[in-house]
């Protein structure tokens, strides 16, 4: 059986076939297995993030200044062009620090795919330094480029182009994090491999991620909390794309040799 490095080299050189229906069905079937657990996990982590953000706001403007007018003024300032840099820094900090937890959701998808048990503590398994440093580097680079471009076009009041380019960047790098956590690739190598491999089937991957994006918005209809249980479809789609293109067999071979 080919190792992950051999698979990557072969995919870069010879390309591959990717059927929309095959990937979509795999993503949907896996989504049905993880939707409730993943939704509850997002709810818990979301609450913690809001709590941390609240503490940060209190520390920034002072508890005595917390009132509706102060919050409106803060919101107005954040939306001003000169504060876009702070938004970029905030996005970078948030994305890099919580990237191991995001990776944990992909591990959940693998557990669902293999019908194995997944526990809450597994979300923190990628804070192990060997994974953590690569996830931080990869997430920092991707977020810096994507958010930087988005912020630039927002500054010039054409956010639609910025959002579109950010989506395209996300498409090209969609395999980067899975390559790190499943394929044990270094951050730079994972990004380069993701760009090269994704470009071979750009249109199909574009459609798959677009459908996943709109599918995740279904939760907005009726009761907004439903988003918590539809957003995991995005994660499931990312895992399905990786698994169909590269698979986890190679990493299983590597791990069995190490053990």
Protein backbone atom coordinates (compact mmCIF):
# COMPACT_ATOMS: atom_id res chain seq x y z
CA UNK A 1 0.00 0.00 0.00
CA UNK A 2 1.26 3.49 -0.85
CA UNK A 3 2.45 5.82 1.87
CA UNK A 4 0.93 9.28 2.15
CA UNK A 5 3.97 10.86 0.47
CA UNK A 6 3.72 8.46 -2.46
CA UNK A 7 0.01 9.20 -2.82
CA UNK A 8 0.59 12.94 -2.82
CA UNK A 9 3.30 12.65 -5.47
CA UNK A 10 1.09 10.45 -7.63
CA UNK A 11 -1.92 12.79 -7.30
CA UNK A 12 0.18 15.82 -8.21
CA UNK A 13 1.61 14.07 -11.25
CA UNK A 14 -1.31 12.07 -12.61
CA UNK A 15 -4.38 13.78 -11.19
CA UNK A 16 -7.49 11.85 -10.13
CA UNK A 17 -11.22 11.46 -10.70
CA UNK A 18 -13.67 13.02 -8.30
CA UNK A 19 -17.37 12.30 -8.57
CA UNK A 20 -19.65 14.94 -7.05
CA UNK A 21 -22.31 12.39 -6.08
CA UNK A 22 -19.82 10.06 -4.38
CA UNK A 23 -18.34 12.77 -2.19
CA UNK A 24 -21.70 14.38 -1.41
CA UNK A 25 -23.27 11.07 -0.35
CA UNK A 26 -20.29 10.25 1.85
CA UNK A 27 -20.40 13.68 3.46
CA UNK A 28 -24.15 13.48 4.08
CA UNK A 29 -24.05 9.97 5.53
CA UNK A 30 -21.21 10.95 7.86
CA UNK A 31 -22.97 14.19 8.76
CA UNK A 32 -26.01 12.24 9.99
CA UNK A 33 -23.72 10.38 12.42
CA UNK A 34 -22.03 13.46 13.90
CA UNK A 35 -24.66 16.24 13.59
CA UNK A 36 -26.06 16.16 17.13
CA UNK A 37 -22.75 15.62 18.93
CA UNK A 38 -20.93 18.19 16.78
CA UNK A 39 -23.77 20.70 17.21
CA UNK A 40 -23.65 20.38 20.98
CA UNK A 41 -19.86 20.73 20.92
CA UNK A 42 -20.15 23.91 18.84
CA UNK A 43 -22.68 25.22 21.36
CA UNK A 44 -20.30 24.57 24.27
CA UNK A 45 -17.24 26.04 22.55
CA UNK A 46 -19.31 28.95 21.27
CA UNK A 47 -20.40 29.76 24.81
CA UNK A 48 -16.78 29.66 26.01
CA UNK A 49 -15.67 31.94 23.16
CA UNK A 50 -18.43 34.44 23.93
CA UNK A 51 -17.43 34.34 27.60
CA UNK A 52 -13.77 35.00 26.74
CA UNK A 53 -14.77 37.77 24.33
CA UNK A 54 -16.98 39.31 27.01
CA UNK A 55 -14.10 39.34 29.48
CA UNK A 56 -11.91 40.95 26.82
CA UNK A 57 -14.47 43.68 26.12
CA UNK A 58 -14.86 44.39 29.83
CA UNK A 59 -11.10 44.65 30.16
CA UNK A 60 -10.90 46.91 27.10
CA UNK A 61 -13.60 49.46 27.88
CA UNK A 62 -14.04 48.89 31.62
CA UNK A 63 -16.94 47.37 33.52
CA UNK A 64 -18.22 50.81 34.52
CA UNK A 65 -18.63 51.76 30.85
CA UNK A 66 -20.72 48.74 29.88
CA UNK A 67 -23.98 50.19 28.59
CA UNK A 68 -25.95 50.10 25.31
CA UNK A 69 -24.47 53.39 24.06
CA UNK A 70 -20.89 52.30 24.74
CA UNK A 71 -21.46 49.01 22.93
CA UNK A 72 -22.95 50.81 19.92
CA UNK A 73 -19.96 53.15 19.81
CA UNK A 74 -17.55 50.21 20.02
CA UNK A 75 -19.39 48.42 17.22
CA UNK A 76 -19.31 51.55 15.07
CA UNK A 77 -15.57 51.95 15.63
CA UNK A 78 -14.84 48.34 14.75
CA UNK A 79 -16.59 48.77 11.40
CA UNK A 80 -14.50 51.80 10.47
CA UNK A 81 -11.68 51.22 7.92
CA UNK A 82 -8.92 52.28 10.32
CA UNK A 83 -9.89 49.46 12.66
CA UNK A 84 -9.66 46.73 10.02
CA UNK A 85 -6.13 45.94 11.18
CA UNK A 86 -7.44 45.07 14.63
CA UNK A 87 -10.03 42.80 13.04
CA UNK A 88 -7.24 41.02 11.16
CA UNK A 89 -5.22 40.54 14.33
CA UNK A 90 -8.30 39.24 16.14
CA UNK A 91 -9.05 36.77 13.34
CA UNK A 92 -5.44 35.54 13.36
CA UNK A 93 -5.40 35.02 17.12
CA UNK A 94 -8.77 33.29 17.16
CA UNK A 95 -8.00 30.99 14.22
CA UNK A 96 -4.54 29.93 15.37
CA UNK A 97 -5.39 29.33 19.02
CA UNK A 98 -8.53 27.30 18.25
CA UNK A 99 -7.16 25.47 15.18
CA UNK A 100 -6.52 22.24 17.16
CA UNK A 101 -10.18 22.17 18.20
CA UNK A 102 -11.23 22.64 14.57
CA UNK A 103 -8.97 19.72 13.72
CA UNK A 104 -10.75 17.74 16.43
CA UNK A 105 -14.01 18.06 14.47
CA UNK A 106 -12.31 16.40 11.50
CA UNK A 107 -11.18 13.62 13.82
CA UNK A 108 -14.80 13.29 14.89
CA UNK A 109 -15.76 12.81 11.24
CA UNK A 110 -13.19 10.02 10.95
CA UNK A 111 -14.58 8.36 14.07
CA UNK A 112 -18.09 8.60 12.66
CA UNK A 113 -16.93 7.20 9.34
CA UNK A 114 -15.29 4.24 11.06
CA UNK A 115 -18.11 3.83 13.63
CA UNK A 116 -15.67 4.27 16.52
CA UNK A 117 -16.18 6.14 19.79
CA UNK A 118 -15.35 9.85 20.02
CA UNK A 119 -15.16 11.64 23.36
CA UNK A 120 -15.02 15.34 24.24
CA UNK A 121 -11.39 15.09 25.33
CA UNK A 122 -10.43 14.12 21.79
CA UNK A 123 -11.08 17.72 20.71
CA UNK A 124 -7.96 18.68 22.63
CA UNK A 125 -5.75 15.86 21.38
CA UNK A 126 -4.18 18.09 18.71
CA UNK A 127 -2.77 20.48 21.30
CA UNK A 128 0.05 17.95 21.34
CA UNK A 129 3.11 19.99 20.28
CA UNK A 130 3.94 17.86 17.21
CA UNK A 131 0.52 18.68 15.73
CA UNK A 132 -0.04 22.02 17.44
CA UNK A 133 2.92 23.82 15.90
CA UNK A 134 2.05 22.66 12.38
CA UNK A 135 -1.63 23.58 12.81
CA UNK A 136 -0.68 27.02 14.11
CA UNK A 137 1.69 27.70 11.21
CA UNK A 138 -0.75 26.47 8.56
CA UNK A 139 -3.75 28.26 10.05
CA UNK A 140 -1.78 31.48 10.54
CA UNK A 141 -0.62 31.54 6.91
CA UNK A 142 -4.04 30.68 5.46
CA UNK A 143 -5.88 33.14 7.73
CA UNK A 144 -3.35 35.91 7.11
CA UNK A 145 -3.71 35.62 3.33
CA UNK A 146 -7.48 35.07 3.30
CA UNK A 147 -8.46 37.63 5.94
CA UNK A 148 -5.84 40.08 4.70
CA UNK A 149 -7.28 40.05 1.19
CA UNK A 150 -10.82 40.24 2.54
CA UNK A 151 -9.91 43.20 4.76
CA UNK A 152 -8.21 44.98 1.87
CA UNK A 153 -11.28 44.79 -0.36
CA UNK A 154 -13.51 45.70 2.57
CA UNK A 155 -11.38 48.82 3.07
CA UNK A 156 -12.01 49.77 -0.56
CA UNK A 157 -15.74 49.04 -0.06
CA UNK A 158 -15.93 46.04 -2.38
CA UNK A 159 -16.37 43.23 0.19
CA UNK A 160 -18.03 40.87 -2.30
CA UNK A 161 -14.75 40.40 -4.18
CA UNK A 162 -12.91 39.92 -0.91
CA UNK A 163 -15.39 37.26 0.23
CA UNK A 164 -15.17 35.49 -3.13
CA UNK A 165 -11.37 35.42 -3.08
CA UNK A 166 -11.41 34.19 0.53
CA UNK A 167 -13.71 31.35 -0.55
CA UNK A 168 -11.33 30.42 -3.39
CA UNK A 169 -8.36 30.45 -0.99
CA UNK A 170 -10.33 28.21 1.35
CA UNK A 171 -11.00 25.87 -1.57
CA UNK A 172 -7.34 25.57 -2.52
CA UNK A 173 -6.29 24.97 1.08
CA UNK A 174 -9.17 22.70 2.14
CA UNK A 175 -6.88 19.65 2.26
CA UNK A 176 -4.12 21.35 4.28
CA UNK A 177 -5.40 20.67 7.81
CA UNK A 178 -6.49 17.07 7.03
CA UNK A 179 -3.02 16.45 5.55
CA UNK A 180 -1.47 17.57 8.83
CA UNK A 181 -3.67 15.58 11.19
CA UNK A 182 -4.23 12.46 9.06
CA UNK A 183 -1.13 12.50 6.86
CA UNK A 184 1.34 13.94 9.38
CA UNK A 185 2.59 16.50 6.88
CA UNK A 186 4.46 19.68 7.79
CA UNK A 187 2.46 22.91 7.51
CA UNK A 188 4.14 24.35 4.42
CA UNK A 189 4.17 20.98 2.67
CA UNK A 190 0.48 20.46 3.49
CA UNK A 191 -0.49 23.86 2.06
CA UNK A 192 1.55 23.32 -1.10
CA UNK A 193 0.14 19.81 -1.57
CA UNK A 194 -3.41 21.02 -0.97
CA UNK A 195 -3.09 23.78 -3.58
CA UNK A 196 -1.59 21.41 -6.14
CA UNK A 197 -4.08 18.57 -5.56
CA UNK A 198 -7.18 20.78 -5.30
CA UNK A 199 -6.34 22.56 -8.55
CA UNK A 200 -6.68 19.23 -10.40
CA UNK A 201 -10.43 19.15 -9.67
CA UNK A 202 -11.12 22.82 -8.95
CA UNK A 203 -14.64 22.98 -10.34
CA UNK A 204 -15.93 19.83 -8.60
CA UNK A 205 -14.45 20.84 -5.24
CA UNK A 206 -15.85 24.35 -5.74
CA UNK A 207 -19.36 22.95 -6.23
CA UNK A 208 -19.05 20.61 -3.25
CA UNK A 209 -17.92 23.36 -0.88
CA UNK A 210 -20.52 25.75 -2.24
CA UNK A 211 -23.31 23.21 -1.64
CA UNK A 212 -21.92 22.56 1.86
CA UNK A 213 -21.88 26.29 2.58
CA UNK A 214 -25.49 26.79 1.53
CA UNK A 215 -26.45 23.58 3.29
CA UNK A 216 -25.01 24.90 6.53
CA UNK A 217 -27.20 28.00 6.19
CA UNK A 218 -30.38 25.93 6.23
CA UNK A 219 -30.37 26.25 10.01
CA UNK A 220 -31.05 29.97 9.67
CA UNK A 221 -34.53 29.20 8.38
CA UNK A 222 -37.04 29.31 11.19
CA UNK A 223 -34.93 28.97 14.33
CA UNK A 224 -31.35 30.27 14.21
CA UNK A 225 -29.99 27.76 16.71
CA UNK A 226 -30.45 25.18 13.97
CA UNK A 227 -27.23 26.54 12.45
CA UNK A 228 -25.36 24.72 15.22
CA UNK A 229 -26.53 21.43 13.77
CA UNK A 230 -26.11 22.29 10.08
CA UNK A 231 -22.64 23.88 10.22
CA UNK A 232 -21.08 20.42 10.86
CA UNK A 233 -22.04 19.57 7.26
CA UNK A 234 -19.19 21.86 6.16
CA UNK A 235 -16.76 19.88 8.31
CA UNK A 236 -18.16 16.59 7.07
CA UNK A 237 -17.73 17.76 3.47
CA UNK A 238 -14.10 18.73 4.05
CA UNK A 239 -13.41 15.30 5.55
CA UNK A 240 -15.23 13.51 2.73
CA UNK A 241 -13.26 15.38 0.06
CA UNK A 242 -9.98 14.42 1.74
CA UNK A 243 -11.00 10.82 2.35
CA UNK A 244 -12.18 10.24 -1.23
CA UNK A 245 -9.11 11.87 -2.77
CA UNK A 246 -6.37 10.66 -0.41
CA UNK A 247 -7.94 8.37 2.18
CA UNK A 248 -6.62 7.35 5.58
CA UNK A 249 -5.15 3.98 4.59
CA UNK A 250 -1.64 5.37 4.15
CA UNK A 251 -1.54 6.88 7.62
CA UNK A 252 -2.86 3.62 9.07
CA UNK A 253 0.13 1.84 7.53
CA UNK A 254 2.53 4.41 8.96
CA UNK A 255 0.99 4.18 12.43
CA UNK A 256 1.06 0.37 12.38
CA UNK A 257 4.77 0.44 11.55
CA UNK A 258 5.45 2.91 14.37
CA UNK A 259 3.58 0.72 16.83
